[in-house]
Amino acid sequence: MEILFQAQTITYLAEKRYDDLQQEQTGEITIPETLPELGRVIDSFGVVLIHERSVDSGSVCVTGTIQTGVLYVPAGEEGVERLDLSLPFTVTKKVPTQADSMLHCWCWLRSIDARFVNSRKLLIRAGLSSELTLLTPAELTLQQLTEAPKGLVCKTETYPMRLPLCAAEKEVQIADEVLMPEDGPGADRLLKAQCTVSVTERRVLGDKAVFQGALELRILASSEDGRLFTWSGSVPYSQYVELERTCAETDHLSVQPILRHVEIDTDGQPDSRRLLVNVSFTAQTVLWGEVPVTLTQDAYYLDGELAPQWEACALTPCLDSMETALAQSVELPAEAERVLDWTSFRDRTVPVSGGEAAQTTLGVNLLYYDGDGKLQNRMLRRELRLERQAEPSADWRCTVQVDQTLQQQGRQLLLPVRVSQRYCQSAPMRNLCGGTLKTLPRGDGPSLIVRTASGDLWDIARDNGSTVRAIQTANELEEAALNRERLLLIPTGRGVNTLEEVTE
């Protein structure tokens, strides 16, 4: 007798992540003749802009630019000057690909510094870290029992697996005017402008991924009378992306923005309080949803022999995801009388303690006045350790982002840190996909046996030619497993059929 099946097809995105991609970009800046000679460097900063992402046969590639800036004090210790340099970069990884794959990326600066070559030349060195994620449409077809023949006992479970279902992205451009307060200083010259894109809320509505947040701005400027000052503000935004499918409210949406263009400047008026902001970024979105996967993982035949056929399958569902806000602190230098500005960095995240934890280095490039009123620069560092909260066999993706909106509290700087963690685990399974049944004549065996046993009732029933329901009924049990040995009445043969008919 053959067993009948029908196919169930699961469509999802196969996700492959490539991290720990690091490189260093260097370049030289020659000070124009219109600017005074270099005295000492007091600050270096930059922003990563992504231009192109491509998926070719056998490789993925990201190209972009690190827009760097350097502030220096001239040799005569009069004023502050700014220099700019663009450092192009390319991140390439040889990996198996297919034409309809989508590449998501995240690139960030882990360090930047400027070194003295001579009084009219500087060497810029920027450390770049990248994470690339390849999303490829995939499907898994499994056989599912249409109806189990009489006497065939199956262990069938439906598992809700959280998988990446679809991905989409949108180019967002924000052009706006931001007014600084009238009771503060105005900007005669902009020395430094930082911009980060935050995502504060995200949800799915039907076939749309809706997200909102803000452009977080921070500037360092000099007023008309030559005083240096900083100002922070934000430009809110709200956007949505069309998805390829209708989603449930329980689906989870991840959004990773990458900057493509940043232009922040004053309106050119003396003592200006108006900033002209022109920023574009790509919002990379991935929708995670629960997919029910039905598997028949074990089976046996009460009335004879089962010759089963099995198919192997493996998925990598998300077991858990969480986001945590932390506040880390760094001690200010003893000679720092007044903090003027800062830029935060973070290094790559590496596993420690055999994978039981992860560690990264947070950095703050600090610009401050010392006791003599001179501008000084210092790089402050703090180690951040993150404890693992899942089994070591699970794939742990941990993303750390440091906001630029630091706060000074006494002699400490508080660094707002956002930690995103996701645990995925490959789940190799087997599923009954075919087979035949051979009915054998019953002997005159007992219809009830008495045996001491413990453990899973499924294993006990299979080993003794019974069913879980028959054992539970005969022994007035509700649980499906016994955590200690006990005496059981185990119906077999005709005894199983009798109890099954009584309980139906």
Foldseek 3Di string as FASTA:
>chain_A
DWFDWDKDKDKAWDKDKDWPDKDKFKDKAFADPVDAWFQAWFDKDWAWAWDDWDDDAFKIKTKTKTWMKTWTQHNVNPAIDMDIDITIDMDMDGDHDDDPKDKDKDKDWQDWDWADPDRGMIMIMTMMTMMIMIIHIDMDMAIDGPDDPPQKDFDKDKDWFKGFHWKDKDKDKDKDKDFADPVDWFAQFWRDKDWDWDWDDWFADFQKIKTKTWIKMKTWGAAPVGDIAMDIDIGIDIDMDGHPGTDDRPKDKDKDKGWNDWDWDFPNDHRGRMIITITMIMIIMIIIGIDIDMFGFDIAGLQAGWDFDKDKDKDKGWPDKDKDKDKDKFFADPQFPFWHFKDKRKDDWAAPPLNQKIKIKIKIFTWGAGPVRRIHTDITIDMDMGGDDDDSQWDKDKDKDWDRPWDDDPRMIIIIIMIIIITIHMDIGMHTRIIDGDGDDDDPDDQKDKDKDFFFLCVVCVVQSAHQVLFCVQVVHDDRGGPDIDITIGGGDVNRVVSVVVVD
